[in-house]
Amino acid sequence: MKIDRRTRGATVEAAARAHLLAAGLADIATNARYRPGELDLVMRDGDTLVFVEVRYRRDASFGGGAASIDLRKRRKLVMAAQLFLAMHPTWAQQPCRFDVVEAEGEPPRLRWLRDAFRADDT
């Protein structure tokens, strides 16, 4: 049975969320949508607010998930994160980072890349 793209995306994001929760992160938000883009997961790691981009690739022939996050995508994620912080001022003074969870293959194997890029890289 072939799984459609939206269903696969939701399944992979749920697996990434479960993986990060098991590693000790705490949920803040899921699929936070803003005009520039969507934040797949927003979590807390200690006192650090973590914006997580989840990327699925059937195979890594053309590079892994992190390689698919180009400058344009990073800028959109940073703008979305800035809007999130503006709308949730209680988090605005916390340290922040951008992580990526790569999922590859069938069934997906997860790889968590902490601090995958920085806001000032954009």
Protein backbone atom coordinates (compact mmCIF):
# COMPACT_ATOMS: atom_id res chain seq x y z
CA MET A 1 0.00 0.00 0.00
CA LYS A 2 1.41 3.36 -1.03
CA ILE A 3 1.32 6.08 1.63
CA ASP A 4 0.59 9.62 0.45
CA ARG A 5 3.09 12.39 1.14
CA ARG A 6 1.02 14.14 3.84
CA THR A 7 0.48 10.91 5.79
CA ARG A 8 4.16 9.99 5.56
CA GLY A 9 5.12 13.49 6.73
CA ALA A 10 2.82 13.27 9.74
CA THR A 11 4.13 9.81 10.59
CA VAL A 12 7.78 10.89 10.34
CA GLU A 13 7.13 14.05 12.41
CA ALA A 14 5.41 11.95 15.09
CA ALA A 15 8.40 9.57 15.16
CA ALA A 16 10.82 12.52 15.43
CA ARG A 17 8.74 14.04 18.24
CA ALA A 18 8.69 10.73 20.14
CA HIS A 19 12.46 10.38 19.66
CA LEU A 20 13.11 13.86 21.05
CA LEU A 21 10.68 13.38 23.95
CA ALA A 22 12.51 10.14 24.84
CA ALA A 23 15.78 12.12 24.78
CA GLY A 24 14.37 14.49 27.41
CA LEU A 25 13.05 17.41 25.37
CA ALA A 26 9.63 18.84 26.23
CA ASP A 27 6.80 19.77 23.86
CA ILE A 28 5.95 23.40 23.24
CA ALA A 29 4.21 23.39 19.81
CA THR A 30 3.70 21.25 16.72
CA ASN A 31 3.23 22.52 13.16
CA ALA A 32 3.22 26.20 14.13
CA ARG A 33 2.29 27.96 10.88
CA TYR A 34 3.31 31.51 10.05
CA ARG A 35 3.35 33.44 6.80
CA PRO A 36 7.04 32.75 6.05
CA GLY A 37 6.78 29.04 6.86
CA GLU A 38 5.97 26.28 9.30
CA LEU A 39 7.88 25.20 12.38
CA ASP A 40 7.54 21.41 12.48
CA LEU A 41 8.31 21.11 16.19
CA VAL A 42 9.06 23.63 18.90
CA MET A 43 10.52 22.01 22.00
CA ARG A 44 12.44 22.87 25.14
CA ASP A 45 15.81 21.35 25.99
CA GLY A 46 16.53 22.54 29.53
CA ASP A 47 16.28 26.32 29.28
CA THR A 48 16.86 26.35 25.50
CA LEU A 49 14.00 26.74 23.04
CA VAL A 50 14.55 24.38 20.10
CA PHE A 51 13.03 24.86 16.65
CA VAL A 52 13.12 21.47 14.92
CA GLU A 53 12.86 20.91 11.17
CA VAL A 54 12.00 17.31 10.23
CA ARG A 55 13.17 16.16 6.79
CA TYR A 56 12.37 12.81 5.17
CA ARG A 57 14.27 11.29 2.28
CA ARG A 58 13.53 7.88 0.79
CA ASP A 59 17.27 7.58 0.20
CA ALA A 60 20.27 9.86 0.54
CA SER A 61 21.40 9.67 -3.10
CA PHE A 62 21.03 13.44 -3.45
CA GLY A 63 22.14 14.26 0.08
CA GLY A 64 20.42 13.79 3.41
CA GLY A 65 17.61 15.82 4.86
CA ALA A 66 19.87 18.50 6.31
CA ALA A 67 21.44 19.07 2.88
CA SER A 68 17.98 19.97 1.56
CA ILE A 69 17.71 22.94 3.92
CA ASP A 70 19.15 25.64 1.71
CA LEU A 71 19.70 29.31 2.55
CA ARG A 72 16.17 30.25 1.45
CA LYS A 73 14.61 27.58 3.70
CA ARG A 74 16.83 28.58 6.65
CA ARG A 75 15.71 32.20 6.26
CA LYS A 76 12.05 31.14 6.27
CA LEU A 77 12.58 29.07 9.41
CA VAL A 78 14.35 31.95 11.16
CA MET A 79 11.53 34.36 10.23
CA ALA A 80 8.92 31.88 11.46
CA ALA A 81 10.87 31.44 14.71
CA GLN A 82 11.01 35.22 15.17
CA LEU A 83 7.23 35.41 14.74
CA PHE A 84 6.79 32.54 17.21
CA LEU A 85 8.87 34.44 19.76
CA ALA A 86 6.94 37.66 19.11
CA MET A 87 3.65 35.83 19.71
CA HIS A 88 4.98 33.99 22.78
CA PRO A 89 6.96 36.65 24.70
CA THR A 90 7.52 34.33 27.68
CA TRP A 91 10.03 32.44 25.48
CA ALA A 92 11.61 35.51 23.87
CA GLN A 93 14.49 35.81 26.37
CA GLN A 94 15.43 32.11 26.28
CA PRO A 95 18.42 30.87 24.32
CA CYS A 96 17.31 29.30 21.02
CA ARG A 97 18.71 26.83 18.55
CA PHE A 98 17.73 25.18 15.28
CA ASP A 99 17.89 21.38 15.10
CA VAL A 100 17.16 19.01 12.23
CA VAL A 101 15.86 15.47 12.46
CA GLU A 102 16.66 13.55 9.29
CA ALA A 103 14.55 10.53 8.46
CA GLU A 104 15.71 8.19 5.73
CA GLY A 105 14.54 4.92 4.28
CA GLU A 106 11.61 2.64 4.87
CA PRO A 107 10.97 2.25 7.75
CA PRO A 108 12.56 5.63 8.50
CA ARG A 109 15.81 5.75 10.45
CA LEU A 110 16.15 8.96 12.44
CA ARG A 111 19.24 11.08 12.92
CA TRP A 112 19.08 14.11 15.21
CA LEU A 113 21.39 16.99 14.30
CA ARG A 114 21.61 19.42 17.20
CA ASP A 115 22.37 23.05 16.42
CA ALA A 116 22.22 22.24 12.69
CA PHE A 117 22.34 25.91 11.73
CA ARG A 118 22.23 29.32 13.40
CA ALA A 119 20.00 32.33 12.85
CA ASP A 120 23.02 34.44 11.93
CA ASP A 121 23.96 31.94 9.16
CA THR A 122 21.11 33.30 7.08
